[in-house]
Amino acid sequence: MKIKKGDNVIVISGKQKGTTGPVTKVFVEDMKVIVTGVNKVKKHVKPSKEQPEGGILEFEKPIKLGNIMLVCESCKKPVKVAIRRENGKKLRICKKCEAVIK
C-alpha cells in the first residue's frame, strides 16, 4: 500500500471531490482509509449505558483507495507514487518531480 497514516491526500471522485486532508487511519485488508474532514456521516443513537442521552453522532467513514490521490509535498499536486529501493530500504517517489515522499 502506497498511502500511509499522516499523508496528505485529495479526493478525486465522489461528492466530496477536490477536498484534501490528512489520513487518520488505514485499513489494509479492505483497501480503505479514513481522511479527516471527508465522508462525514451522522448516526442517530438511542440512549444506552455508553450514551445515556442518545442523540446524533457525527463521524468519518472510510473511503476507498481508488478515490484518493497522494499530494506531493514538493510540487503540491496530486501524484502517482513509485517505489524504489536504495541501500536496502523502500522509498516512495513522486512520479512528477522525482522527490522522495516521507
Protein backbone atom coordinates (compact mmCIF):
# COMPACT_ATOMS: atom_id res chain seq x y z
CA MET A 1 0.00 0.00 0.00
CA LYS A 2 1.47 3.33 -1.06
CA ILE A 3 -0.56 5.58 1.27
CA LYS A 4 0.29 5.75 4.96
CA LYS A 5 -1.10 7.36 8.10
CA GLY A 6 -0.33 11.07 8.17
CA ASP A 7 -0.12 11.52 4.37
CA ASN A 8 -1.94 14.48 2.85
CA VAL A 9 -4.42 13.25 0.20
CA ILE A 10 -7.03 14.72 -2.16
CA VAL A 11 -10.36 13.13 -3.11
CA ILE A 12 -10.56 12.65 -6.89
CA SER A 13 -14.11 11.28 -7.25
CA GLY A 14 -17.45 11.33 -5.48
CA LYS A 15 -19.49 14.11 -3.94
CA GLN A 16 -16.50 15.43 -1.95
CA LYS A 17 -14.23 15.67 -4.97
CA GLY A 18 -11.42 18.18 -4.50
CA THR A 19 -11.30 18.14 -0.69
CA THR A 20 -7.98 17.46 0.99
CA GLY A 21 -6.92 16.24 4.39
CA PRO A 22 -4.51 14.02 6.29
CA VAL A 23 -5.02 10.27 6.56
CA THR A 24 -6.11 9.30 10.08
CA LYS A 25 -6.34 5.52 9.78
CA VAL A 26 -5.53 2.88 7.14
CA PHE A 27 -7.46 -0.38 6.66
CA VAL A 28 -5.08 -2.58 4.63
CA GLU A 29 -7.40 -5.58 4.29
CA ASP A 30 -10.32 -3.50 2.97
CA MET A 31 -8.13 -1.12 0.89
CA LYS A 32 -9.77 1.89 2.58
CA VAL A 33 -8.60 4.91 4.58
CA ILE A 34 -10.18 7.45 6.90
CA VAL A 35 -9.40 11.06 5.95
CA THR A 36 -10.00 13.93 8.37
CA GLY A 37 -12.98 16.04 7.28
CA VAL A 38 -14.00 13.77 4.38
CA ASN A 39 -17.05 11.45 4.14
CA LYS A 40 -18.68 12.67 7.35
CA VAL A 41 -21.92 10.93 8.30
CA LYS A 42 -24.50 11.37 11.04
CA LYS A 43 -25.91 8.49 13.03
CA HIS A 44 -28.94 8.64 15.30
CA VAL A 45 -28.25 6.79 18.56
CA LYS A 46 -30.78 5.60 21.13
CA PRO A 47 -29.99 6.16 24.81
CA SER A 48 -27.86 3.36 26.26
CA LYS A 49 -25.30 2.82 29.01
CA GLU A 50 -22.49 4.19 26.82
CA GLN A 51 -24.61 7.12 25.52
CA PRO A 52 -27.14 7.89 28.30
CA GLU A 53 -28.52 10.90 26.44
CA GLY A 54 -28.53 9.35 22.98
CA GLY A 55 -28.59 11.91 20.17
CA ILE A 56 -26.92 12.39 16.82
CA LEU A 57 -23.28 11.37 16.41
CA GLU A 58 -21.14 12.70 13.57
CA PHE A 59 -18.08 10.74 12.43
CA GLU A 60 -15.97 9.95 9.37
CA LYS A 61 -16.41 6.73 7.41
CA PRO A 62 -13.69 5.03 5.36
CA ILE A 63 -13.16 5.96 1.72
CA LYS A 64 -11.78 3.62 -0.97
CA LEU A 65 -8.14 3.99 -2.02
CA GLY A 66 -9.14 4.34 -5.68
CA ASN A 67 -10.98 7.57 -4.88
CA ILE A 68 -7.97 9.41 -3.42
CA MET A 69 -4.51 10.51 -4.57
CA LEU A 70 -1.47 11.47 -2.59
CA VAL A 71 -0.48 15.17 -2.64
CA CYS A 72 3.27 15.66 -3.14
CA GLU A 73 4.92 17.93 -0.56
CA SER A 74 7.35 19.49 -3.03
CA CYS A 75 5.20 20.06 -6.15
CA LYS A 76 1.85 20.47 -4.25
CA LYS A 77 -0.06 18.40 -6.85
CA PRO A 78 -1.90 15.06 -6.75
CA VAL A 79 0.59 12.45 -7.92
CA LYS A 80 1.11 8.77 -8.51
CA VAL A 81 3.72 7.10 -6.34
CA ALA A 82 6.62 4.92 -7.42
CA ILE A 83 8.63 2.71 -5.07
CA ARG A 84 12.40 2.44 -5.39
CA ARG A 85 14.94 0.55 -3.33
CA GLU A 86 18.08 2.31 -2.16
CA ASN A 87 20.51 0.80 0.36
CA GLY A 88 18.01 -1.95 1.18
CA LYS A 89 15.19 0.49 2.05
CA LYS A 90 11.98 1.19 0.15
CA LEU A 91 11.46 4.83 -0.81
CA ARG A 92 8.24 6.38 -2.09
CA ILE A 93 8.98 8.65 -5.06
CA CYS A 94 6.75 11.29 -6.70
CA LYS A 95 6.36 10.42 -10.39
CA LYS A 96 6.05 14.10 -11.44
CA CYS A 97 9.01 15.73 -9.69
CA GLU A 98 11.06 12.64 -8.63
CA ALA A 99 11.14 13.86 -4.99
CA VAL A 100 11.19 11.45 -2.05
CA ILE A 101 7.90 11.35 -0.12
CA LYS A 102 8.30 10.92 3.63
